[in-house]
Amino acid sequence: MEVYAGIDLHANNNCLGVVDAHGKRIYRKKLPNDPELILGALGSLSSEVEGVVVESTFNWYWLVDLLMDAGYKVHLANPAAIQRYSGLKYSDDAHDAYWLAELLRLGILPTGYIYPKEHRAVRDLLRKRSHLVRLRTSLILSLQGIVARNRGKKIKAGDIKILSEDRVSIHFEGNEDLALAGQVSKEAIDDLTRKIVKIEAFTERKMALRADYRHLHTVPGVGRVLGLTIALETGEISRFAKVGNYSSYCRKVPSRWMSNDKYKGKGNTKNGNKYLSWAFSEAAELGRRFYPEVQTYYNRKLQKTNRMAAHTALAHKLARASYYIMRDEVPFDMDRLFGS
């Protein structure tokens, strides 16, 4: 008889719940996050395991890989889309595990994308670069604030980031307290810059753009880092049935609930991929600066709305264009997207 398993995963333990083809709860066990114990518990079931559900928590990688390598058909549950039964009076880890298994049995389990194991590490490495860039930006802003408050001057971010010379110390001459603040800030910024460059170089050597994504570099504002980010965060473009699905995943579609032409609220605006959202926002800003056709489109939007809305519209347009570029393996066509 076929059975369905659900695993409620936590940082140091998990709860396994199993239901049969009729929805009867036949097995449950709380286990430490030990690969041998988990495989042993599933292997002890006398029935055939039709599928195993793992909730998409922060630490799902190892468990999904373990189960897939063992030959199980694994489903990654999307917790943002799962609705808990509102009539429950009591719930615990076992109930959550059973609920995942029951959704799978009924064929109504909202699932997430299991990113290929072979590319997952390099994608996360590029995410680490993004983290370091944010840290460096916070230090640069802090240093600019120190200069502005104490010297009444503005120092450019480019002058702060340059590695070949020190353009910061000159702003703090004559005050050893400020000089030390500037020195440690500059040293921290330079250290982060070197690490960022190191990650970029390693990522490019490790993961050249796939042949079907090579045309991403033709998109205005998309360079080597953004191209790799978009490709790695997108994964298989075929998993998006329509361009609207991809735009929504990139967080470039507004969340709005309407009824009888009246606004009734909005949904979870954080659904989707924040790294793709950032990448297309960066591409929109760079494209607006350096491509006249893109600037013209942005200005037309700006005449009708505010700056942020115009920027979002441009980022949305680039995300849609990138979908077709990846799907059809064609270069970017400026006239087709921004032509009058």
Protein backbone atom coordinates (compact mmCIF):
# COMPACT_ATOMS: atom_id res chain seq x y z
CA MET A 1 0.00 0.00 0.00
CA GLU A 2 1.20 3.48 -0.84
CA VAL A 3 1.93 5.93 1.97
CA TYR A 4 2.80 9.62 2.12
CA ALA A 5 5.33 11.16 4.48
CA GLY A 6 5.66 14.68 5.81
CA ILE A 7 8.64 16.04 7.72
CA ASP A 8 8.35 19.10 9.94
CA LEU A 9 11.97 20.27 10.02
CA HIS A 10 13.63 22.37 12.73
CA ALA A 11 17.19 23.47 13.48
CA ASN A 12 18.17 20.38 15.49
CA ASN A 13 15.30 17.92 15.11
CA ASN A 14 12.38 16.94 12.92
CA CYS A 15 9.04 15.23 13.19
CA LEU A 16 8.07 12.53 10.70
CA GLY A 17 4.38 11.88 10.04
CA VAL A 18 3.03 9.26 7.65
CA VAL A 19 -0.50 8.72 6.29
CA ASP A 20 -1.82 5.92 4.11
CA ALA A 21 -3.73 6.22 0.83
CA HIS A 22 -6.98 6.81 2.76
CA GLY A 23 -5.57 9.55 4.98
CA LYS A 24 -5.22 7.38 8.08
CA ARG A 25 -2.32 8.38 10.30
CA ILE A 26 -0.15 5.31 10.61
CA TYR A 27 3.23 6.50 11.87
CA ARG A 28 4.90 9.40 13.65
CA LYS A 29 8.28 9.86 15.24
CA LYS A 30 10.35 12.79 16.47
CA LEU A 31 13.97 12.44 15.42
CA PRO A 32 17.23 14.33 15.78
CA ASN A 33 18.65 15.66 12.52
CA ASP A 34 20.66 12.51 11.98
CA PRO A 35 20.74 11.15 8.39
CA GLU A 36 20.95 7.50 9.45
CA LEU A 37 18.02 7.74 11.85
CA ILE A 38 15.82 9.52 9.31
CA LEU A 39 16.54 7.01 6.54
CA GLY A 40 16.11 4.19 9.03
CA ALA A 41 12.68 5.45 10.08
CA LEU A 42 11.49 5.73 6.47
CA GLY A 43 13.03 2.38 5.60
CA SER A 44 11.16 0.70 8.44
CA LEU A 45 7.82 1.38 6.77
CA SER A 46 6.48 -1.79 5.27
CA SER A 47 4.55 0.11 2.60
CA GLU A 48 5.85 1.93 -0.45
CA VAL A 49 6.57 5.63 0.18
CA GLU A 50 4.88 7.50 -2.65
CA GLY A 51 6.46 10.82 -1.72
CA VAL A 52 8.12 12.77 1.07
CA VAL A 53 7.31 16.41 1.84
CA VAL A 54 9.87 18.72 3.42
CA GLU A 55 8.87 22.24 4.36
CA SER A 56 11.02 24.97 2.84
CA THR A 57 12.74 26.11 6.02
CA PHE A 58 16.12 27.87 6.25
CA ASN A 59 17.98 24.55 6.49
CA TRP A 60 16.25 22.30 3.99
CA TYR A 61 19.24 21.68 1.68
CA TRP A 62 20.81 18.75 3.51
CA LEU A 63 17.57 16.86 4.13
CA VAL A 64 16.25 17.19 0.59
CA ASP A 65 19.61 16.09 -0.83
CA LEU A 66 19.73 13.14 1.58
CA LEU A 67 16.27 11.91 0.61
CA MET A 68 16.76 12.42 -3.12
CA ASP A 69 20.09 10.58 -3.05
CA ALA A 70 18.31 7.73 -1.26
CA GLY A 71 15.81 7.48 -4.12
CA TYR A 72 12.76 9.10 -2.56
CA LYS A 73 10.48 11.39 -4.53
CA VAL A 74 10.84 14.64 -2.60
CA HIS A 75 8.50 17.63 -2.60
CA LEU A 76 9.53 21.00 -1.18
CA ALA A 77 6.50 22.60 0.44
CA ASN A 78 5.96 26.34 0.05
CA PRO A 79 5.02 27.52 3.57
CA ALA A 80 3.76 30.91 2.36
CA ALA A 81 1.06 29.20 0.27
CA ILE A 82 -0.04 26.55 2.78
CA GLN A 83 -3.24 27.31 4.64
CA ARG A 84 -3.68 25.69 8.04
CA TYR A 85 -7.14 24.35 8.81
CA SER A 86 -8.78 27.19 10.78
CA GLY A 87 -10.91 24.85 12.92
CA LEU A 88 -7.94 23.30 14.73
CA LYS A 89 -8.05 23.69 18.49
CA TYR A 90 -4.57 22.29 19.03
CA SER A 91 -1.54 21.90 16.82
CA ASP A 92 2.03 20.70 17.27
CA ASP A 93 4.92 19.37 15.18
CA ALA A 94 3.20 16.03 14.60
CA HIS A 95 0.06 17.73 13.31
CA ASP A 96 2.17 19.86 10.98
CA ALA A 97 3.95 16.78 9.60
CA TYR A 98 0.67 14.95 9.08
CA TRP A 99 -0.82 18.02 7.38
CA LEU A 100 2.05 18.14 4.88
CA ALA A 101 1.59 14.45 4.11
CA GLU A 102 -2.18 14.91 3.75
CA LEU A 103 -1.80 17.78 1.30
CA LEU A 104 0.50 15.59 -0.79
CA ARG A 105 -1.97 12.70 -0.68
CA LEU A 106 -4.78 14.97 -1.87
CA GLY A 107 -2.63 16.43 -4.64
CA ILE A 108 -3.05 20.01 -3.42
CA LEU A 109 0.40 20.62 -1.92
CA PRO A 110 1.83 24.05 -2.88
CA THR A 111 5.42 23.28 -3.80
CA GLY A 112 8.61 25.25 -4.18
CA TYR A 113 11.48 24.80 -6.61
CA ILE A 114 14.26 22.42 -5.61
CA TYR A 115 17.29 24.22 -6.97
CA PRO A 116 19.82 21.84 -8.57
CA LYS A 117 22.44 20.76 -6.07
CA GLU A 118 25.38 21.24 -8.45
CA HIS A 119 24.74 24.99 -8.83
CA ARG A 120 23.35 25.77 -5.38
CA ALA A 121 26.68 26.49 -3.69
CA VAL A 122 27.90 28.96 -6.31
CA ARG A 123 24.52 30.72 -6.22
CA ASP A 124 24.82 31.09 -2.45
CA LEU A 125 28.39 32.35 -2.88
CA LEU A 126 27.08 35.12 -5.11
CA ARG A 127 24.46 35.85 -2.46
CA LYS A 128 27.31 36.25 0.03
CA ARG A 129 28.79 38.86 -2.29
CA SER A 130 25.50 40.76 -2.11
CA HIS A 131 25.68 40.60 1.68
CA LEU A 132 29.20 42.00 1.70
CA VAL A 133 28.20 44.79 -0.69
CA ARG A 134 25.44 45.84 1.71
CA LEU A 135 27.89 45.86 4.61
CA ARG A 136 30.34 47.96 2.60
CA THR A 137 27.61 50.40 1.63
CA SER A 138 26.63 50.90 5.28
CA LEU A 139 30.27 51.68 6.14
CA ILE A 140 30.59 54.09 3.21
CA LEU A 141 27.43 55.95 4.25
CA SER A 142 28.68 56.14 7.82
CA LEU A 143 32.02 57.55 6.69
CA GLN A 144 30.33 60.08 4.42
CA GLY A 145 28.22 61.16 7.40
CA ILE A 146 31.31 61.68 9.56
CA VAL A 147 32.90 63.89 6.89
CA ALA A 148 29.71 65.87 6.33
CA ARG A 149 29.10 66.49 10.05
CA ASN A 150 32.65 67.45 10.97
CA ARG A 151 34.01 69.04 7.81
CA GLY A 152 30.91 70.24 5.98
CA LYS A 153 32.11 68.47 2.84
CA LYS A 154 30.89 65.67 0.66
CA ILE A 155 33.17 62.76 -0.20
CA LYS A 156 32.27 60.58 -3.18
CA ALA A 157 31.67 56.86 -2.67
CA GLY A 158 34.05 56.16 -5.57
CA ASP A 159 36.85 58.01 -3.78
CA ILE A 160 36.24 55.95 -0.66
CA LYS A 161 36.22 52.59 -2.48
CA ILE A 162 39.38 53.12 -4.52
CA LEU A 163 42.12 50.71 -3.41
CA SER A 164 45.17 52.21 -5.10
CA GLU A 165 45.31 55.31 -2.91
CA ASP A 166 43.94 56.82 0.31
CA ARG A 167 41.58 59.73 -0.41
CA VAL A 168 39.98 59.63 3.03
CA SER A 169 42.69 60.64 5.52
CA ILE A 170 43.06 64.12 4.04
CA HIS A 171 39.60 64.99 5.36
CA PHE A 172 40.61 64.32 8.98
CA GLU A 173 43.98 66.04 9.25
CA GLY A 174 44.52 67.84 12.55
CA ASN A 175 42.13 65.69 14.59
CA GLU A 176 43.45 62.32 15.75
CA ASP A 177 40.04 61.11 16.93
CA LEU A 178 38.45 61.68 13.53
CA ALA A 179 41.58 60.37 11.83
CA LEU A 180 41.24 57.04 13.65
CA ALA A 181 37.54 56.82 12.77
CA GLY A 182 38.41 57.45 9.12
CA GLN A 183 41.30 54.99 9.17
CA VAL A 184 39.38 52.03 10.60
CA SER A 185 36.44 52.75 8.31
CA LYS A 186 38.67 52.88 5.25
CA GLU A 187 40.48 49.68 6.25
CA ALA A 188 37.19 47.82 6.74
CA ILE A 189 35.84 49.10 3.41
CA ASP A 190 39.02 48.09 1.57
CA ASP A 191 38.94 44.64 3.14
CA LEU A 192 35.34 44.12 2.03
CA THR A 193 36.18 45.39 -1.47
CA ARG A 194 38.96 42.81 -1.81
CA LYS A 195 36.65 40.03 -0.67
CA ILE A 196 33.93 41.15 -3.08
CA VAL A 197 36.40 41.17 -5.99
CA LYS A 198 37.66 37.73 -4.94
CA ILE A 199 34.14 36.28 -4.95
CA GLU A 200 33.38 37.83 -8.34
CA ALA A 201 36.53 36.41 -9.93
CA PHE A 202 35.95 32.96 -8.42
CA THR A 203 32.30 32.88 -9.47
CA GLU A 204 33.10 33.84 -13.05
CA ARG A 205 35.69 31.07 -13.30
CA LYS A 206 33.39 28.55 -11.64
CA MET A 207 30.16 29.35 -13.39
CA ALA A 208 30.27 30.82 -16.87
CA LEU A 209 26.87 31.81 -18.22
CA ARG A 210 25.05 28.84 -19.72
CA ALA A 211 24.67 28.93 -23.49
CA ASP A 212 20.93 29.61 -23.28
CA TYR A 213 21.55 32.59 -20.96
CA ARG A 214 24.52 34.12 -22.79
CA HIS A 215 22.35 36.91 -24.26
CA LEU A 216 21.58 38.36 -20.83
CA HIS A 217 24.63 40.59 -21.26
CA THR A 218 22.85 42.37 -24.11
CA VAL A 219 20.19 43.71 -21.71
CA PRO A 220 20.80 47.40 -20.86
CA GLY A 221 22.43 47.69 -17.44
CA VAL A 222 23.22 43.98 -17.10
CA GLY A 223 26.94 43.29 -16.75
CA ARG A 224 28.86 40.23 -15.66
CA VAL A 225 27.75 40.19 -12.00
CA LEU A 226 24.09 40.98 -12.69
CA GLY A 227 24.06 38.49 -15.57
CA LEU A 228 25.34 35.71 -13.32
CA THR A 229 22.93 36.72 -10.56
CA ILE A 230 19.91 36.64 -12.87
CA ALA A 231 20.93 33.30 -14.38
CA LEU A 232 21.69 31.60 -11.06
CA GLU A 233 18.63 32.93 -9.25
CA THR A 234 16.32 32.08 -12.16
CA GLY A 235 17.42 28.49 -12.52
CA GLU A 236 15.51 26.70 -15.26
CA ILE A 237 13.44 29.27 -17.12
CA SER A 238 11.08 26.49 -18.22
CA ARG A 239 9.67 26.34 -14.68
CA PHE A 240 7.85 29.61 -15.37
CA ALA A 241 4.85 28.93 -17.60
CA LYS A 242 4.29 32.58 -18.53
CA VAL A 243 6.18 35.84 -18.42
CA GLY A 244 3.79 37.08 -15.74
CA ASN A 245 4.84 34.23 -13.46
CA TYR A 246 8.46 35.24 -13.86
CA SER A 247 7.76 38.94 -13.28
CA SER A 248 5.87 38.05 -10.12
CA TYR A 249 8.75 35.87 -8.93
CA CYS A 250 11.04 38.86 -9.47
CA ARG A 251 8.73 40.95 -7.23
CA LYS A 252 7.99 43.30 -10.11
CA VAL A 253 4.21 42.80 -10.10
CA PRO A 254 2.16 44.87 -7.63
CA SER A 255 0.21 42.98 -4.99
CA ARG A 256 -3.35 44.23 -5.02
CA TRP A 257 -6.74 42.72 -4.12
CA MET A 258 -9.64 44.21 -6.04
CA SER A 259 -13.39 43.58 -5.93
CA ASN A 260 -15.95 45.45 -8.03
CA ASP A 261 -13.18 47.88 -9.03
CA LYS A 262 -12.51 48.69 -5.38
CA TYR A 263 -9.24 48.24 -3.55
CA LYS A 264 -9.56 45.58 -0.82
CA GLY A 265 -5.99 45.30 0.39
CA LYS A 266 -2.85 43.54 -0.72
CA GLY A 267 -1.05 40.23 -0.35
CA ASN A 268 2.43 39.29 0.73
CA THR A 269 4.72 41.62 -1.23
CA LYS A 270 7.76 39.61 -0.12
CA ASN A 271 6.69 36.53 -2.08
CA GLY A 272 9.30 35.91 -4.74
CA ASN A 273 13.05 36.24 -5.07
CA LYS A 274 14.61 39.29 -3.43
CA TYR A 275 17.89 38.81 -5.29
CA LEU A 276 16.19 38.99 -8.69
CA SER A 277 14.26 42.02 -7.48
CA TRP A 278 17.55 43.69 -6.60
CA ALA A 279 19.24 42.64 -9.86
CA PHE A 280 16.56 44.13 -12.11
CA SER A 281 16.36 47.29 -9.99
CA GLU A 282 20.12 47.71 -10.42
CA ALA A 283 19.83 47.04 -14.15
CA ALA A 284 17.07 49.64 -14.43
CA GLU A 285 19.20 52.28 -12.69
CA LEU A 286 22.29 51.53 -14.77
CA GLY A 287 20.26 51.33 -17.98
CA ARG A 288 18.64 54.69 -17.26
CA ARG A 289 22.05 56.30 -16.75
CA PHE A 290 23.91 54.98 -19.76
CA TYR A 291 21.36 54.18 -22.50
CA PRO A 292 19.46 57.08 -24.15
CA GLU A 293 16.55 54.88 -25.26
CA VAL A 294 16.06 53.63 -21.72
CA GLN A 295 16.32 57.18 -20.36
CA THR A 296 13.63 58.31 -22.80
CA TYR A 297 11.26 55.56 -21.64
CA TYR A 298 11.95 56.42 -18.01
CA ASN A 299 11.27 60.12 -18.63
CA ARG A 300 7.94 59.31 -20.32
CA LYS A 301 6.90 57.35 -17.25
CA LEU A 302 8.17 60.09 -14.96
CA GLN A 303 5.85 62.62 -16.60
CA LYS A 304 2.87 60.51 -15.57
CA THR A 305 3.90 59.33 -12.12
CA ASN A 306 6.59 59.63 -9.43
CA ARG A 307 10.25 58.58 -9.56
CA MET A 308 9.86 55.26 -7.74
CA ALA A 309 6.92 54.17 -9.87
CA ALA A 310 8.84 55.03 -13.05
CA HIS A 311 11.87 53.08 -11.81
CA THR A 312 9.68 50.06 -10.94
CA ALA A 313 8.01 50.16 -14.37
CA LEU A 314 11.42 50.15 -16.04
CA ALA A 315 12.69 47.27 -13.88
CA HIS A 316 9.50 45.32 -14.68
CA LYS A 317 10.02 45.88 -18.40
CA LEU A 318 13.61 44.60 -18.20
CA ALA A 319 12.49 41.53 -16.23
CA ARG A 320 9.90 40.69 -18.88
CA ALA A 321 12.45 41.15 -21.65
CA SER A 322 14.93 38.91 -19.83
CA TYR A 323 12.34 36.15 -19.61
CA TYR A 324 11.99 36.00 -23.40
CA ILE A 325 15.76 36.34 -23.88
CA MET A 326 16.35 33.27 -21.69
CA ARG A 327 13.40 31.29 -23.00
CA ASP A 328 13.98 31.91 -26.71
CA GLU A 329 17.79 32.32 -26.55
CA VAL A 330 17.75 35.60 -28.46
CA PRO A 331 19.65 38.88 -27.90
CA PHE A 332 18.02 42.01 -26.54
CA ASP A 333 16.25 44.19 -29.12
CA MET A 334 16.28 47.85 -28.06
CA ASP A 335 13.86 48.96 -30.79
CA ARG A 336 11.36 46.26 -29.95
CA LEU A 337 11.26 47.11 -26.24
CA PHE A 338 11.75 50.87 -26.21
CA GLY A 339 10.88 51.89 -29.75
CA SER A 340 8.13 54.42 -30.21
